[in-house]
Amino acid sequence: MSTTLGEAAWNNSTVIDETKIASLEGRILVAGSVTLARWLLEHELVDELRLLLYPVVLGSGKRLFGEQEKTELKLTETQAFASGVVKLAYRR
């Protein structure tokens, strides 16, 4: 059974079949889609993961990593901003 990633509703967007994602070249930015980010992680299609950590504790919400298997990542970059936000970059 195939996993559906959803349909794009924006102009200048292209819906890509999940079987073709691994063959894409270049960088793909996923902003604000936990579903897509989780799917890419679960299918080992992420080489680099960049996270912005905001100093706010909400106590609930969707987990980025869900219930997937353990994945080893290497911290490659950190940057702290005056606002308290921290950028973290990891590679597989």
N, C-alpha and C. Protein backbone atom coordinates (compact mmCIF):
# COMPACT_ATOMS: atom_id res chain seq x y z
N MET A 1 0.84 -1.18 0.00
CA MET A 1 0.00 0.00 0.00
C MET A 1 0.88 1.24 0.00
N SER A 2 0.55 2.21 -0.79
CA SER A 2 1.34 3.42 -0.96
C SER A 2 0.95 4.47 0.08
N THR A 3 1.94 5.22 0.54
CA THR A 3 1.71 6.32 1.46
C THR A 3 1.41 7.58 0.67
N THR A 4 0.37 8.31 1.02
CA THR A 4 0.02 9.54 0.33
C THR A 4 0.61 10.72 1.08
N LEU A 5 1.26 11.60 0.35
CA LEU A 5 1.86 12.78 0.95
C LEU A 5 0.91 13.98 0.92
N GLY A 6 -0.18 13.89 0.21
CA GLY A 6 -1.12 15.01 0.12
C GLY A 6 -0.98 15.74 -1.20
N GLU A 7 -1.84 16.69 -1.40
CA GLU A 7 -1.85 17.44 -2.66
C GLU A 7 -1.46 18.88 -2.40
N ALA A 8 -0.69 19.44 -3.32
CA ALA A 8 -0.29 20.85 -3.21
C ALA A 8 -1.43 21.71 -3.73
N ALA A 9 -1.69 22.82 -3.06
CA ALA A 9 -2.76 23.72 -3.46
C ALA A 9 -2.23 25.09 -3.84
N TRP A 10 -0.91 25.21 -4.02
CA TRP A 10 -0.31 26.50 -4.29
C TRP A 10 0.06 26.60 -5.76
N ASN A 11 0.02 27.82 -6.30
CA ASN A 11 0.49 28.04 -7.66
C ASN A 11 1.98 27.74 -7.72
N ASN A 12 2.44 27.35 -8.88
CA ASN A 12 3.86 27.04 -9.11
C ASN A 12 4.36 25.88 -8.26
N SER A 13 3.47 25.01 -7.84
CA SER A 13 3.85 23.83 -7.06
C SER A 13 3.60 22.58 -7.89
N THR A 14 4.36 21.55 -7.60
CA THR A 14 4.21 20.29 -8.30
C THR A 14 4.07 19.18 -7.27
N VAL A 15 3.07 18.34 -7.44
CA VAL A 15 2.90 17.17 -6.58
C VAL A 15 3.83 16.08 -7.11
N ILE A 16 4.68 15.56 -6.22
CA ILE A 16 5.65 14.54 -6.61
C ILE A 16 5.25 13.22 -5.98
N ASP A 17 5.16 12.20 -6.80
CA ASP A 17 4.85 10.86 -6.32
C ASP A 17 5.95 10.40 -5.38
N GLU A 18 5.58 9.78 -4.26
CA GLU A 18 6.58 9.40 -3.26
C GLU A 18 7.61 8.41 -3.78
N THR A 19 7.30 7.66 -4.83
CA THR A 19 8.27 6.72 -5.38
C THR A 19 9.39 7.43 -6.13
N LYS A 20 9.22 8.71 -6.45
CA LYS A 20 10.23 9.46 -7.21
C LYS A 20 11.06 10.41 -6.33
N ILE A 21 10.74 10.51 -5.05
CA ILE A 21 11.44 11.45 -4.18
C ILE A 21 12.92 11.13 -4.08
N ALA A 22 13.28 9.87 -3.95
CA ALA A 22 14.68 9.49 -3.79
C ALA A 22 15.53 9.86 -5.00
N SER A 23 14.91 10.00 -6.17
CA SER A 23 15.67 10.32 -7.37
C SER A 23 15.84 11.82 -7.60
N LEU A 24 15.26 12.66 -6.75
CA LEU A 24 15.40 14.10 -6.90
C LEU A 24 16.82 14.54 -6.57
N GLU A 25 17.29 15.56 -7.25
CA GLU A 25 18.62 16.10 -6.99
C GLU A 25 18.49 17.47 -6.36
N GLY A 26 19.51 17.87 -5.61
CA GLY A 26 19.50 19.18 -4.97
C GLY A 26 18.87 19.11 -3.59
N ARG A 27 18.57 20.28 -3.06
CA ARG A 27 18.01 20.38 -1.71
C ARG A 27 16.51 20.52 -1.74
N ILE A 28 15.87 19.95 -0.75
CA ILE A 28 14.43 20.10 -0.57
C ILE A 28 14.23 20.70 0.81
N LEU A 29 13.51 21.80 0.87
CA LEU A 29 13.20 22.44 2.15
C LEU A 29 11.79 22.05 2.55
N VAL A 30 11.67 21.52 3.75
CA VAL A 30 10.36 21.19 4.31
C VAL A 30 10.13 22.14 5.47
N ALA A 31 9.17 23.02 5.32
CA ALA A 31 8.88 24.01 6.35
C ALA A 31 7.43 23.87 6.79
N GLY A 32 7.25 23.49 8.04
CA GLY A 32 5.90 23.46 8.60
C GLY A 32 5.09 22.22 8.29
N SER A 33 5.69 21.17 7.77
CA SER A 33 4.94 19.94 7.48
C SER A 33 5.54 18.78 8.26
N VAL A 34 5.03 18.55 9.44
CA VAL A 34 5.51 17.43 10.26
C VAL A 34 5.26 16.12 9.53
N THR A 35 4.15 16.01 8.82
CA THR A 35 3.81 14.77 8.11
C THR A 35 4.86 14.44 7.06
N LEU A 36 5.24 15.42 6.24
CA LEU A 36 6.23 15.18 5.20
C LEU A 36 7.60 14.94 5.80
N ALA A 37 8.01 15.73 6.78
CA ALA A 37 9.31 15.55 7.42
C ALA A 37 9.42 14.16 8.04
N ARG A 38 8.39 13.73 8.73
CA ARG A 38 8.39 12.41 9.37
C ARG A 38 8.48 11.31 8.31
N TRP A 39 7.73 11.46 7.22
CA TRP A 39 7.73 10.46 6.14
C TRP A 39 9.13 10.34 5.54
N LEU A 40 9.77 11.49 5.26
CA LEU A 40 11.12 11.47 4.70
C LEU A 40 12.12 10.82 5.66
N LEU A 41 12.01 11.12 6.94
CA LEU A 41 12.89 10.52 7.95
C LEU A 41 12.67 9.01 8.03
N GLU A 42 11.42 8.59 8.06
CA GLU A 42 11.10 7.15 8.16
C GLU A 42 11.61 6.37 6.96
N HIS A 43 11.67 7.00 5.80
CA HIS A 43 12.13 6.33 4.58
C HIS A 43 13.60 6.61 4.28
N GLU A 44 14.33 7.13 5.28
CA GLU A 44 15.77 7.39 5.20
C GLU A 44 16.14 8.24 3.98
N LEU A 45 15.34 9.28 3.73
CA LEU A 45 15.57 10.19 2.61
C LEU A 45 16.08 11.55 3.07
N VAL A 46 16.55 11.62 4.32
CA VAL A 46 17.07 12.87 4.85
C VAL A 46 18.57 12.72 5.08
N ASP A 47 19.35 13.59 4.43
CA ASP A 47 20.80 13.61 4.63
C ASP A 47 21.19 14.61 5.69
N GLU A 48 20.47 15.73 5.73
CA GLU A 48 20.76 16.80 6.68
C GLU A 48 19.44 17.28 7.29
N LEU A 49 19.48 17.52 8.58
CA LEU A 49 18.30 17.99 9.30
C LEU A 49 18.67 19.28 10.00
N ARG A 50 17.96 20.36 9.68
CA ARG A 50 18.19 21.66 10.32
C ARG A 50 16.96 22.00 11.14
N LEU A 51 17.18 22.27 12.40
CA LEU A 51 16.08 22.58 13.30
C LEU A 51 16.28 23.96 13.91
N LEU A 52 15.19 24.68 14.08
CA LEU A 52 15.20 25.92 14.85
C LEU A 52 14.51 25.62 16.16
N LEU A 53 15.22 25.81 17.24
CA LEU A 53 14.71 25.52 18.57
C LEU A 53 14.29 26.83 19.23
N TYR A 54 13.00 26.96 19.50
CA TYR A 54 12.46 28.18 20.12
C TYR A 54 12.32 27.96 21.62
N PRO A 55 12.67 28.96 22.43
CA PRO A 55 12.62 28.82 23.89
C PRO A 55 11.19 28.96 24.44
N VAL A 56 10.30 28.09 23.97
CA VAL A 56 8.90 28.10 24.42
C VAL A 56 8.50 26.66 24.70
N VAL A 57 7.93 26.39 25.84
CA VAL A 57 7.46 25.06 26.18
C VAL A 57 5.94 25.07 26.13
N LEU A 58 5.37 24.30 25.22
CA LEU A 58 3.92 24.27 25.06
C LEU A 58 3.27 23.12 25.81
N GLY A 59 4.00 22.03 25.96
CA GLY A 59 3.47 20.90 26.71
C GLY A 59 2.64 19.93 25.89
N SER A 60 2.35 20.27 24.63
CA SER A 60 1.60 19.34 23.78
C SER A 60 1.89 19.67 22.32
N GLY A 61 1.39 18.85 21.44
CA GLY A 61 1.59 19.05 20.01
C GLY A 61 2.13 17.80 19.36
N LYS A 62 2.32 17.86 18.05
CA LYS A 62 2.83 16.72 17.30
C LYS A 62 4.32 16.56 17.55
N ARG A 63 4.75 15.33 17.71
CA ARG A 63 6.17 15.03 17.85
C ARG A 63 6.78 14.92 16.47
N LEU A 64 7.93 15.53 16.26
CA LEU A 64 8.59 15.48 14.96
C LEU A 64 8.99 14.05 14.60
N PHE A 65 9.53 13.32 15.54
CA PHE A 65 10.07 12.01 15.23
C PHE A 65 9.10 10.86 15.44
N GLY A 66 7.95 11.11 16.02
CA GLY A 66 6.96 10.06 16.19
C GLY A 66 7.51 8.85 16.92
N GLU A 67 7.17 7.68 16.42
CA GLU A 67 7.58 6.42 17.06
C GLU A 67 8.60 5.67 16.21
N GLN A 68 9.33 6.37 15.36
CA GLN A 68 10.26 5.69 14.46
C GLN A 68 11.46 5.12 15.20
N GLU A 69 12.21 4.29 14.47
CA GLU A 69 13.41 3.67 15.01
C GLU A 69 14.45 4.73 15.36
N LYS A 70 15.40 4.35 16.20
CA LYS A 70 16.50 5.24 16.57
C LYS A 70 17.34 5.57 15.33
N THR A 71 17.67 6.85 15.16
CA THR A 71 18.50 7.30 14.06
C THR A 71 19.68 8.08 14.63
N GLU A 72 20.88 7.67 14.29
CA GLU A 72 22.08 8.36 14.75
C GLU A 72 22.33 9.59 13.88
N LEU A 73 22.49 10.75 14.51
CA LEU A 73 22.77 11.98 13.80
C LEU A 73 24.02 12.63 14.39
N LYS A 74 24.77 13.34 13.54
CA LYS A 74 25.97 14.04 14.00
C LYS A 74 25.71 15.54 13.93
N LEU A 75 25.90 16.23 15.05
CA LEU A 75 25.73 17.68 15.09
C LEU A 75 26.85 18.33 14.29
N THR A 76 26.49 19.14 13.28
CA THR A 76 27.49 19.76 12.41
C THR A 76 27.53 21.27 12.52
N GLU A 77 26.50 21.88 13.10
CA GLU A 77 26.46 23.34 13.18
C GLU A 77 25.50 23.79 14.26
N THR A 78 25.89 24.83 14.97
CA THR A 78 24.97 25.49 15.92
C THR A 78 25.11 27.00 15.74
N GLN A 79 24.02 27.69 15.96
CA GLN A 79 24.04 29.15 15.92
C GLN A 79 22.96 29.66 16.85
N ALA A 80 23.37 30.49 17.79
CA ALA A 80 22.42 31.09 18.74
C ALA A 80 22.10 32.51 18.31
N PHE A 81 20.84 32.89 18.43
CA PHE A 81 20.40 34.23 18.07
C PHE A 81 20.01 35.00 19.33
N ALA A 82 20.03 36.32 19.27
CA ALA A 82 19.72 37.17 20.42
C ALA A 82 18.32 36.90 20.97
N SER A 83 17.42 36.43 20.14
CA SER A 83 16.04 36.14 20.55
C SER A 83 15.95 34.90 21.46
N GLY A 84 17.03 34.13 21.51
CA GLY A 84 17.01 32.87 22.26
C GLY A 84 16.82 31.66 21.38
N VAL A 85 16.48 31.88 20.10
CA VAL A 85 16.33 30.79 19.16
C VAL A 85 17.71 30.21 18.84
N VAL A 86 17.78 28.90 18.72
CA VAL A 86 19.04 28.23 18.38
C VAL A 86 18.83 27.39 17.12
N LYS A 87 19.73 27.56 16.16
CA LYS A 87 19.71 26.73 14.94
C LYS A 87 20.64 25.55 15.15
N LEU A 88 20.16 24.37 14.87
CA LEU A 88 20.94 23.14 15.00
C LEU A 88 20.93 22.43 13.66
N ALA A 89 22.08 22.01 13.18
CA ALA A 89 22.17 21.25 11.94
C ALA A 89 22.78 19.89 12.24
N TYR A 90 22.17 18.84 11.70
CA TYR A 90 22.63 17.47 11.91
C TYR A 90 22.77 16.77 10.56
N ARG A 91 23.71 15.83 10.48
CA ARG A 91 23.86 14.99 9.30
C ARG A 91 23.77 13.53 9.73
N ARG A 92 23.32 12.72 8.81
CA ARG A 92 23.24 11.27 9.05
C ARG A 92 24.60 10.65 8.95
